[in-house]
Amino acid sequence: MLTATAARLAAAPLAGPAPDPHTGVPFTTGTEEVIAGYARRLSHTDVRQLAHAVDHGTAVTIEYVATTGKRTIRTLSDLALDPPYLYAWCQLRDAERMFTLSRIHGVMPT
């Protein structure tokens, strides 16, 4: 058991993701940290939910504000993070779309 613990510690990264500067709650993944840096309107919970969808390939529903100011609700799948953008299959448009992370105002499970 001691050997297994030592092996896990040796394999662990030297430093984990930094804490959220607004809440002090530590990020659990690098994806969370990246999303939080660009999607500043999202709560810590929304950041975690979006990061989980990106990391685990699950669908998610977002509230998105277009450049025109129009708010839409989009259900997304096949997410790919390329900051400051999120590429995903949009169920509403039935096509791949690009979303600016800073324009995402809410995240909901699908």
C-alpha atoms as a PDB file:
ATOM      1  CA  MET A   1       0.000   0.000   0.000  1.00  0.00           C
ATOM      2  CA  LEU A   2       2.811   2.411   0.801  1.00  0.00           C
ATOM      3  CA  THR A   3       4.447   1.618  -2.533  1.00  0.00           C
ATOM      4  CA  ALA A   4       1.206   2.357  -4.410  1.00  0.00           C
ATOM      5  CA  THR A   5       0.809   5.684  -2.615  1.00  0.00           C
ATOM      6  CA  ALA A   6       4.407   6.627  -3.381  1.00  0.00           C
ATOM      7  CA  ALA A   7       3.892   5.753  -7.053  1.00  0.00           C
ATOM      8  CA  ARG A   8       0.763   7.946  -7.260  1.00  0.00           C
ATOM      9  CA  LEU A   9       2.577  10.854  -5.629  1.00  0.00           C
ATOM     10  CA  ALA A  10       5.546  10.470  -7.974  1.00  0.00           C
ATOM     11  CA  ALA A  11       3.233  10.468 -11.013  1.00  0.00           C
ATOM     12  CA  ALA A  12       1.226  13.506  -9.854  1.00  0.00           C
ATOM     13  CA  PRO A  13       1.922  16.869 -11.490  1.00  0.00           C
ATOM     14  CA  LEU A  14       4.160  19.222  -9.537  1.00  0.00           C
ATOM     15  CA  ALA A  15       1.431  21.846  -9.261  1.00  0.00           C
ATOM     16  CA  GLY A  16      -2.301  21.641  -9.684  1.00  0.00           C
ATOM     17  CA  PRO A  17      -4.452  24.203 -11.459  1.00  0.00           C
ATOM     18  CA  ALA A  18      -4.595  27.580  -9.755  1.00  0.00           C
ATOM     19  CA  PRO A  19      -7.598  28.600  -7.651  1.00  0.00           C
ATOM     20  CA  ASP A  20     -10.351  30.753  -9.111  1.00  0.00           C
ATOM     21  CA  PRO A  21      -9.228  34.313  -8.337  1.00  0.00           C
ATOM     22  CA  HIS A  22     -12.818  35.397  -7.606  1.00  0.00           C
ATOM     23  CA  THR A  23     -13.920  32.596  -5.276  1.00  0.00           C
ATOM     24  CA  GLY A  24     -10.656  31.038  -4.163  1.00  0.00           C
ATOM     25  CA  VAL A  25     -12.097  27.602  -4.977  1.00  0.00           C
ATOM     26  CA  PRO A  26      -9.405  25.505  -6.640  1.00  0.00           C
ATOM     27  CA  PHE A  27      -9.921  24.367 -10.203  1.00  0.00           C
ATOM     28  CA  THR A  28      -9.919  20.596 -10.552  1.00  0.00           C
ATOM     29  CA  THR A  29      -8.633  20.506 -14.140  1.00  0.00           C
ATOM     30  CA  GLY A  30      -6.632  22.632 -16.510  1.00  0.00           C
ATOM     31  CA  THR A  31      -9.694  22.793 -18.763  1.00  0.00           C
ATOM     32  CA  GLU A  32     -11.628  24.536 -15.984  1.00  0.00           C
ATOM     33  CA  GLU A  33      -8.840  27.050 -15.553  1.00  0.00           C
ATOM     34  CA  VAL A  34      -8.726  27.842 -19.288  1.00  0.00           C
ATOM     35  CA  ILE A  35     -12.507  28.177 -19.608  1.00  0.00           C
ATOM     36  CA  ALA A  36     -12.704  30.399 -16.511  1.00  0.00           C
ATOM     37  CA  GLY A  37     -10.037  32.669 -17.978  1.00  0.00           C
ATOM     38  CA  TYR A  38     -12.100  33.345 -21.095  1.00  0.00           C
ATOM     39  CA  ALA A  39     -15.717  32.857 -19.931  1.00  0.00           C
ATOM     40  CA  ARG A  40     -15.623  35.367 -17.092  1.00  0.00           C
ATOM     41  CA  ARG A  41     -19.413  35.693 -16.874  1.00  0.00           C
ATOM     42  CA  LEU A  42     -19.814  32.047 -15.880  1.00  0.00           C
ATOM     43  CA  SER A  43     -20.134  30.941 -12.289  1.00  0.00           C
ATOM     44  CA  HIS A  44     -17.631  28.426 -10.959  1.00  0.00           C
ATOM     45  CA  THR A  45     -20.338  25.735 -11.222  1.00  0.00           C
ATOM     46  CA  ASP A  46     -20.998  26.587 -14.879  1.00  0.00           C
ATOM     47  CA  VAL A  47     -17.263  26.526 -15.625  1.00  0.00           C
ATOM     48  CA  ARG A  48     -17.006  23.068 -14.065  1.00  0.00           C
ATOM     49  CA  GLN A  49     -20.021  21.823 -15.994  1.00  0.00           C
ATOM     50  CA  LEU A  50     -18.672  23.075 -19.328  1.00  0.00           C
ATOM     51  CA  ALA A  51     -15.183  21.736 -18.623  1.00  0.00           C
ATOM     52  CA  HIS A  52     -16.637  18.342 -17.740  1.00  0.00           C
ATOM     53  CA  ALA A  53     -18.550  18.279 -21.042  1.00  0.00           C
ATOM     54  CA  VAL A  54     -15.362  19.160 -22.969  1.00  0.00           C
ATOM     55  CA  ASP A  55     -13.213  16.624 -21.101  1.00  0.00           C
ATOM     56  CA  HIS A  56     -15.716  13.748 -21.171  1.00  0.00           C
ATOM     57  CA  GLY A  57     -17.408  14.279 -24.528  1.00  0.00           C
ATOM     58  CA  THR A  58     -20.879  14.867 -23.139  1.00  0.00           C
ATOM     59  CA  ALA A  59     -23.546  17.210 -24.483  1.00  0.00           C
ATOM     60  CA  VAL A  60     -24.394  20.448 -22.730  1.00  0.00           C
ATOM     61  CA  THR A  61     -26.904  23.280 -23.146  1.00  0.00           C
ATOM     62  CA  ILE A  62     -25.664  26.862 -23.080  1.00  0.00           C
ATOM     63  CA  GLU A  63     -27.174  30.309 -23.005  1.00  0.00           C
ATOM     64  CA  TYR A  64     -25.299  32.261 -25.664  1.00  0.00           C
ATOM     65  CA  VAL A  65     -25.363  35.947 -26.596  1.00  0.00           C
ATOM     66  CA  ALA A  66     -24.587  36.615 -30.262  1.00  0.00           C
ATOM     67  CA  THR A  67     -22.682  39.678 -31.459  1.00  0.00           C
ATOM     68  CA  THR A  68     -26.083  41.212 -32.276  1.00  0.00           C
ATOM     69  CA  GLY A  69     -27.081  40.952 -28.611  1.00  0.00           C
ATOM     70  CA  LYS A  70     -29.661  38.242 -29.266  1.00  0.00           C
ATOM     71  CA  ARG A  71     -29.789  35.535 -26.577  1.00  0.00           C
ATOM     72  CA  THR A  72     -30.214  31.938 -27.670  1.00  0.00           C
ATOM     73  CA  ILE A  73     -30.259  28.561 -25.991  1.00  0.00           C
ATOM     74  CA  ARG A  74     -28.071  26.008 -27.768  1.00  0.00           C
ATOM     75  CA  THR A  75     -27.585  22.312 -27.125  1.00  0.00           C
ATOM     76  CA  LEU A  76     -24.043  21.334 -28.071  1.00  0.00           C
ATOM     77  CA  SER A  77     -22.190  18.065 -28.533  1.00  0.00           C
ATOM     78  CA  ASP A  78     -18.742  17.033 -29.832  1.00  0.00           C
ATOM     79  CA  LEU A  79     -17.113  19.952 -28.056  1.00  0.00           C
ATOM     80  CA  ALA A  80     -13.560  21.020 -28.895  1.00  0.00           C
ATOM     81  CA  LEU A  81     -11.850  23.777 -26.924  1.00  0.00           C
ATOM     82  CA  ASP A  82      -9.592  26.169 -28.860  1.00  0.00           C
ATOM     83  CA  PRO A  83      -9.448  29.315 -26.682  1.00  0.00           C
ATOM     84  CA  PRO A  84     -10.993  31.769 -26.969  1.00  0.00           C
ATOM     85  CA  TYR A  85     -13.418  29.607 -28.944  1.00  0.00           C
ATOM     86  CA  LEU A  86     -15.450  26.491 -28.403  1.00  0.00           C
ATOM     87  CA  TYR A  87     -16.216  24.411 -31.487  1.00  0.00           C
ATOM     88  CA  ALA A  88     -19.237  22.136 -31.241  1.00  0.00           C
ATOM     89  CA  TRP A  89     -22.060  20.473 -33.068  1.00  0.00           C
ATOM     90  CA  CYS A  90     -25.091  22.737 -32.593  1.00  0.00           C
ATOM     91  CA  GLN A  91     -28.391  20.868 -32.402  1.00  0.00           C
ATOM     92  CA  LEU A  92     -30.363  24.021 -33.264  1.00  0.00           C
ATOM     93  CA  ARG A  93     -28.482  24.665 -36.521  1.00  0.00           C
ATOM     94  CA  ASP A  94     -27.706  20.981 -37.191  1.00  0.00           C
ATOM     95  CA  ALA A  95     -24.150  21.969 -38.045  1.00  0.00           C
ATOM     96  CA  GLU A  96     -20.749  22.598 -36.502  1.00  0.00           C
ATOM     97  CA  ARG A  97     -20.511  26.092 -35.046  1.00  0.00           C
ATOM     98  CA  MET A  98     -17.930  28.223 -33.281  1.00  0.00           C
ATOM     99  CA  PHE A  99     -18.840  29.913 -29.986  1.00  0.00           C
ATOM    100  CA  THR A 100     -16.811  32.645 -28.309  1.00  0.00           C
ATOM    101  CA  LEU A 101     -16.306  31.595 -24.685  1.00  0.00           C
ATOM    102  CA  SER A 102     -16.852  35.138 -23.377  1.00  0.00           C
ATOM    103  CA  ARG A 103     -20.347  35.146 -24.904  1.00  0.00           C
ATOM    104  CA  ILE A 104     -21.497  32.068 -23.007  1.00  0.00           C
ATOM    105  CA  HIS A 105     -23.680  33.309 -20.136  1.00  0.00           C
ATOM    106  CA  GLY A 106     -24.964  30.056 -18.671  1.00  0.00           C
ATOM    107  CA  VAL A 107     -24.483  26.291 -18.786  1.00  0.00           C
ATOM    108  CA  MET A 108     -27.080  23.611 -18.110  1.00  0.00           C
ATOM    109  CA  PRO A 109     -26.960  19.820 -18.247  1.00  0.00           C
ATOM    110  CA  THR A 110     -28.632  18.229 -21.220  1.00  0.00           C
END
